[in-house]
Amino acid sequence: MDIKYFKVKYGFDETQYAEITSDELPKAYGMFLAQEGNGIFKDGTAIRAKDIIRIEPNWHKVRGWNRGWKMTIDDYEDIKPLERGYQDTQNQAKLIAEQAIKENRTEILTKPMSELLGVFGISDKPNLPPDITKQIDDISSKFKI
């Protein structure tokens, strides 16, 4: 799983967000969905769960733009190919957080997302028809060392 960058927005000012990677995404979604508790992210930002406004991709970090850069139409076109992968990652993290809350196992949300994939039957592979998934697995097994 490649590293993806996200913002956990906790205020309306453009600078009020924690910078996280996909590994901290289940923790952020767990806080957001439960609306209780506090969290400290790896960038040092401490946030109360009830203050989280939204969680979104951090395109500025992905593309190396300044924090205050106002995205243009060209910038939005530039990120368009990445949006699907980011949306899939967000959906996976949200499912992990929902399941952890449902099963009262929120303590596992402190683990990196890369360790949590598969815990609740959530895969990092896209949802493909079973016959296509089998073909991919067959091909990939031929290239294993």
C-alpha atoms as a PDB file:
ATOM      1  CA  MET A   1       0.000   0.000   0.000  1.00  0.00           C
ATOM      2  CA  ASP A   2       1.496   3.331  -1.015  1.00  0.00           C
ATOM      3  CA  ILE A   3       1.515   6.283   1.366  1.00  0.00           C
ATOM      4  CA  LYS A   4      -1.312   8.750   0.926  1.00  0.00           C
ATOM      5  CA  TYR A   5      -1.598  12.106   2.675  1.00  0.00           C
ATOM      6  CA  PHE A   6      -4.701  13.557   4.327  1.00  0.00           C
ATOM      7  CA  LYS A   7      -5.869  16.545   6.343  1.00  0.00           C
ATOM      8  CA  VAL A   8      -7.910  16.284   9.518  1.00  0.00           C
ATOM      9  CA  LYS A   9      -9.634  19.680   9.556  1.00  0.00           C
ATOM     10  CA  TYR A  10     -10.541  21.006  13.013  1.00  0.00           C
ATOM     11  CA  GLY A  11     -11.270  24.637  12.206  1.00  0.00           C
ATOM     12  CA  PHE A  12     -12.460  26.892   9.435  1.00  0.00           C
ATOM     13  CA  ASP A  13      -9.107  28.585   8.856  1.00  0.00           C
ATOM     14  CA  GLU A  14      -7.079  27.086   5.991  1.00  0.00           C
ATOM     15  CA  THR A  15      -4.211  26.286   8.377  1.00  0.00           C
ATOM     16  CA  GLN A  16      -6.260  24.471  11.030  1.00  0.00           C
ATOM     17  CA  TYR A  17      -5.592  20.856  10.204  1.00  0.00           C
ATOM     18  CA  ALA A  18      -3.404  17.945  11.177  1.00  0.00           C
ATOM     19  CA  GLU A  19      -1.303  16.380   8.428  1.00  0.00           C
ATOM     20  CA  ILE A  20      -1.631  12.603   8.530  1.00  0.00           C
ATOM     21  CA  THR A  21      -0.826   9.640   6.341  1.00  0.00           C
ATOM     22  CA  SER A  22      -3.167   6.811   5.455  1.00  0.00           C
ATOM     23  CA  ASP A  23      -1.788   4.855   8.439  1.00  0.00           C
ATOM     24  CA  GLU A  24      -3.514   7.269  10.849  1.00  0.00           C
ATOM     25  CA  LEU A  25      -6.727   7.450   8.837  1.00  0.00           C
ATOM     26  CA  PRO A  26      -8.715   4.795  10.795  1.00  0.00           C
ATOM     27  CA  LYS A  27      -7.888   6.631  14.040  1.00  0.00           C
ATOM     28  CA  ALA A  28      -9.109   9.919  12.568  1.00  0.00           C
ATOM     29  CA  TYR A  29     -12.324   8.347  11.272  1.00  0.00           C
ATOM     30  CA  GLY A  30     -12.868   6.578  14.589  1.00  0.00           C
ATOM     31  CA  MET A  31     -12.655   9.888  16.432  1.00  0.00           C
ATOM     32  CA  PHE A  32     -14.852  11.614  13.855  1.00  0.00           C
ATOM     33  CA  LEU A  33     -17.560   8.943  13.912  1.00  0.00           C
ATOM     34  CA  ALA A  34     -17.605   8.408  17.685  1.00  0.00           C
ATOM     35  CA  GLN A  35     -17.368  12.146  18.423  1.00  0.00           C
ATOM     36  CA  GLU A  36     -15.638  11.414  21.713  1.00  0.00           C
ATOM     37  CA  GLY A  37     -12.116  11.437  23.011  1.00  0.00           C
ATOM     38  CA  ASN A  38      -8.933  13.198  22.040  1.00  0.00           C
ATOM     39  CA  GLY A  39      -6.142  12.236  19.722  1.00  0.00           C
ATOM     40  CA  ILE A  40      -2.552  13.205  19.099  1.00  0.00           C
ATOM     41  CA  PHE A  41      -1.337  12.655  15.582  1.00  0.00           C
ATOM     42  CA  LYS A  42       2.242  12.038  14.451  1.00  0.00           C
ATOM     43  CA  ASP A  43       2.650  15.645  13.304  1.00  0.00           C
ATOM     44  CA  GLY A  44       2.144  16.660  16.967  1.00  0.00           C
ATOM     45  CA  THR A  45      -1.354  18.077  16.541  1.00  0.00           C
ATOM     46  CA  ALA A  46      -3.736  17.280  19.396  1.00  0.00           C
ATOM     47  CA  ILE A  47      -7.420  17.380  18.449  1.00  0.00           C
ATOM     48  CA  ARG A  48     -10.640  16.843  20.348  1.00  0.00           C
ATOM     49  CA  ALA A  49     -12.870  14.445  18.422  1.00  0.00           C
ATOM     50  CA  LYS A  50     -15.837  16.787  18.579  1.00  0.00           C
ATOM     51  CA  ASP A  51     -13.793  19.505  16.827  1.00  0.00           C
ATOM     52  CA  ILE A  52     -13.097  17.471  13.675  1.00  0.00           C
ATOM     53  CA  ILE A  53     -14.964  19.078  10.774  1.00  0.00           C
ATOM     54  CA  ARG A  54     -13.848  16.821   7.917  1.00  0.00           C
ATOM     55  CA  ILE A  55     -11.145  14.507   6.645  1.00  0.00           C
ATOM     56  CA  GLU A  56      -9.894  15.091   3.119  1.00  0.00           C
ATOM     57  CA  PRO A  57      -6.928  14.356   0.848  1.00  0.00           C
ATOM     58  CA  ASN A  58      -3.977  16.674   1.328  1.00  0.00           C
ATOM     59  CA  TRP A  59      -3.325  17.530  -2.298  1.00  0.00           C
ATOM     60  CA  HIS A  60      -0.869  20.259  -1.306  1.00  0.00           C
ATOM     61  CA  LYS A  61       1.401  17.684   0.365  1.00  0.00           C
ATOM     62  CA  VAL A  62       0.925  15.184  -2.471  1.00  0.00           C
ATOM     63  CA  ARG A  63       1.941  17.681  -5.146  1.00  0.00           C
ATOM     64  CA  GLY A  64       4.440  19.697  -3.080  1.00  0.00           C
ATOM     65  CA  TRP A  65       2.465  22.938  -3.212  1.00  0.00           C
ATOM     66  CA  ASN A  66       2.783  25.634  -0.550  1.00  0.00           C
ATOM     67  CA  ARG A  67       0.236  25.372   2.240  1.00  0.00           C
ATOM     68  CA  GLY A  68      -1.456  28.582   1.158  1.00  0.00           C
ATOM     69  CA  TRP A  69      -1.585  27.769  -2.559  1.00  0.00           C
ATOM     70  CA  LYS A  70      -5.037  28.298  -4.063  1.00  0.00           C
ATOM     71  CA  MET A  71      -5.715  25.436  -6.444  1.00  0.00           C
ATOM     72  CA  THR A  72      -6.477  26.321 -10.051  1.00  0.00           C
ATOM     73  CA  ILE A  73      -8.513  24.474 -12.675  1.00  0.00           C
ATOM     74  CA  ASP A  74      -5.274  22.929 -13.966  1.00  0.00           C
ATOM     75  CA  ASP A  75      -4.439  21.701 -10.460  1.00  0.00           C
ATOM     76  CA  TYR A  76      -7.814  19.983 -10.160  1.00  0.00           C
ATOM     77  CA  GLU A  77      -7.219  18.296 -13.520  1.00  0.00           C
ATOM     78  CA  ASP A  78      -3.766  17.246 -12.289  1.00  0.00           C
ATOM     79  CA  ILE A  79      -5.153  15.422  -9.233  1.00  0.00           C
ATOM     80  CA  LYS A  80      -8.126  13.833 -11.017  1.00  0.00           C
ATOM     81  CA  PRO A  81      -6.282  10.523 -11.725  1.00  0.00           C
ATOM     82  CA  LEU A  82      -5.465  10.206  -8.004  1.00  0.00           C
ATOM     83  CA  GLU A  83      -8.960  10.832  -6.652  1.00  0.00           C
ATOM     84  CA  ARG A  84     -10.250   7.253  -7.032  1.00  0.00           C
ATOM     85  CA  GLY A  85      -7.352   5.748  -5.066  1.00  0.00           C
ATOM     86  CA  TYR A  86      -7.746   8.302  -2.304  1.00  0.00           C
ATOM     87  CA  GLN A  87     -11.505   7.718  -2.135  1.00  0.00           C
ATOM     88  CA  ASP A  88     -10.955   3.955  -1.898  1.00  0.00           C
ATOM     89  CA  THR A  89      -8.463   4.437   0.947  1.00  0.00           C
ATOM     90  CA  GLN A  90     -10.888   6.716   2.789  1.00  0.00           C
ATOM     91  CA  ASN A  91     -13.698   4.188   2.365  1.00  0.00           C
ATOM     92  CA  GLN A  92     -11.502   1.379   3.726  1.00  0.00           C
ATOM     93  CA  ALA A  93     -10.503   3.465   6.753  1.00  0.00           C
ATOM     94  CA  LYS A  94     -14.111   4.419   7.418  1.00  0.00           C
ATOM     95  CA  LEU A  95     -15.206   0.758   7.265  1.00  0.00           C
ATOM     96  CA  ILE A  96     -12.423  -0.231   9.669  1.00  0.00           C
ATOM     97  CA  ALA A  97     -13.424   2.536  12.101  1.00  0.00           C
ATOM     98  CA  GLU A  98     -17.136   1.682  11.875  1.00  0.00           C
ATOM     99  CA  GLN A  99     -16.457  -1.998  12.538  1.00  0.00           C
ATOM    100  CA  ALA A 100     -14.096  -1.239  15.454  1.00  0.00           C
ATOM    101  CA  ILE A 101     -16.737   1.011  17.031  1.00  0.00           C
ATOM    102  CA  LYS A 102     -19.477  -1.559  16.413  1.00  0.00           C
ATOM    103  CA  GLU A 103     -17.417  -4.320  18.062  1.00  0.00           C
ATOM    104  CA  ASN A 104     -16.216  -1.995  20.858  1.00  0.00           C
ATOM    105  CA  ARG A 105     -12.573  -2.504  19.818  1.00  0.00           C
ATOM    106  CA  THR A 106     -11.569   1.122  19.300  1.00  0.00           C
ATOM    107  CA  GLU A 107      -8.151   0.522  20.912  1.00  0.00           C
ATOM    108  CA  ILE A 108      -6.989  -1.144  17.682  1.00  0.00           C
ATOM    109  CA  LEU A 109      -7.458   2.120  15.791  1.00  0.00           C
ATOM    110  CA  THR A 110      -4.109   3.287  17.166  1.00  0.00           C
ATOM    111  CA  LYS A 111      -2.417   0.707  14.908  1.00  0.00           C
ATOM    112  CA  PRO A 112      -1.377   1.681  11.362  1.00  0.00           C
ATOM    113  CA  MET A 113      -3.971   1.084   8.658  1.00  0.00           C
ATOM    114  CA  SER A 114      -1.543  -1.235   6.882  1.00  0.00           C
ATOM    115  CA  GLU A 115      -1.821  -3.594   9.897  1.00  0.00           C
ATOM    116  CA  LEU A 116      -5.608  -3.268  10.136  1.00  0.00           C
ATOM    117  CA  LEU A 117      -6.428  -4.254   6.561  1.00  0.00           C
ATOM    118  CA  GLY A 118      -7.802  -7.765   6.735  1.00  0.00           C
ATOM    119  CA  VAL A 119      -8.695  -7.577  10.461  1.00  0.00           C
ATOM    120  CA  PHE A 120     -12.384  -7.068   9.711  1.00  0.00           C
ATOM    121  CA  GLY A 121     -12.316  -8.730   6.293  1.00  0.00           C
ATOM    122  CA  ILE A 122     -11.511  -5.409   4.613  1.00  0.00           C
ATOM    123  CA  SER A 123      -9.014  -5.767   1.793  1.00  0.00           C
ATOM    124  CA  ASP A 124      -6.685  -3.322   0.127  1.00  0.00           C
ATOM    125  CA  LYS A 125      -7.663  -4.840  -3.228  1.00  0.00           C
ATOM    126  CA  PRO A 126     -10.460  -3.161  -5.153  1.00  0.00           C
ATOM    127  CA  ASN A 127     -13.806  -4.947  -5.254  1.00  0.00           C
ATOM    128  CA  LEU A 128     -13.566  -6.950  -8.446  1.00  0.00           C
ATOM    129  CA  PRO A 129     -15.686  -9.858  -9.646  1.00  0.00           C
ATOM    130  CA  PRO A 130     -14.457 -13.207  -8.202  1.00  0.00           C
ATOM    131  CA  ASP A 131     -13.293 -14.534 -11.572  1.00  0.00           C
ATOM    132  CA  ILE A 132     -11.105 -11.466 -12.183  1.00  0.00           C
ATOM    133  CA  THR A 133      -9.709 -11.626  -8.615  1.00  0.00           C
ATOM    134  CA  LYS A 134      -8.792 -15.287  -9.141  1.00  0.00           C
ATOM    135  CA  GLN A 135      -7.028 -14.463 -12.392  1.00  0.00           C
ATOM    136  CA  ILE A 136      -5.030 -11.715 -10.682  1.00  0.00           C
ATOM    137  CA  ASP A 137      -4.082 -14.040  -7.819  1.00  0.00           C
ATOM    138  CA  ASP A 138      -3.059 -16.788 -10.280  1.00  0.00           C
ATOM    139  CA  ILE A 139      -0.871 -14.405 -12.259  1.00  0.00           C
ATOM    140  CA  SER A 140       0.712 -12.830  -9.183  1.00  0.00           C
ATOM    141  CA  SER A 141       1.507 -16.261  -7.675  1.00  0.00           C
ATOM    142  CA  LYS A 142       3.567 -17.093 -10.784  1.00  0.00           C
ATOM    143  CA  PHE A 143       5.830 -14.099 -10.106  1.00  0.00           C
ATOM    144  CA  LYS A 144       6.470 -14.759  -6.409  1.00  0.00           C
ATOM    145  CA  ILE A 145      10.051 -15.528  -5.459  1.00  0.00           C
END
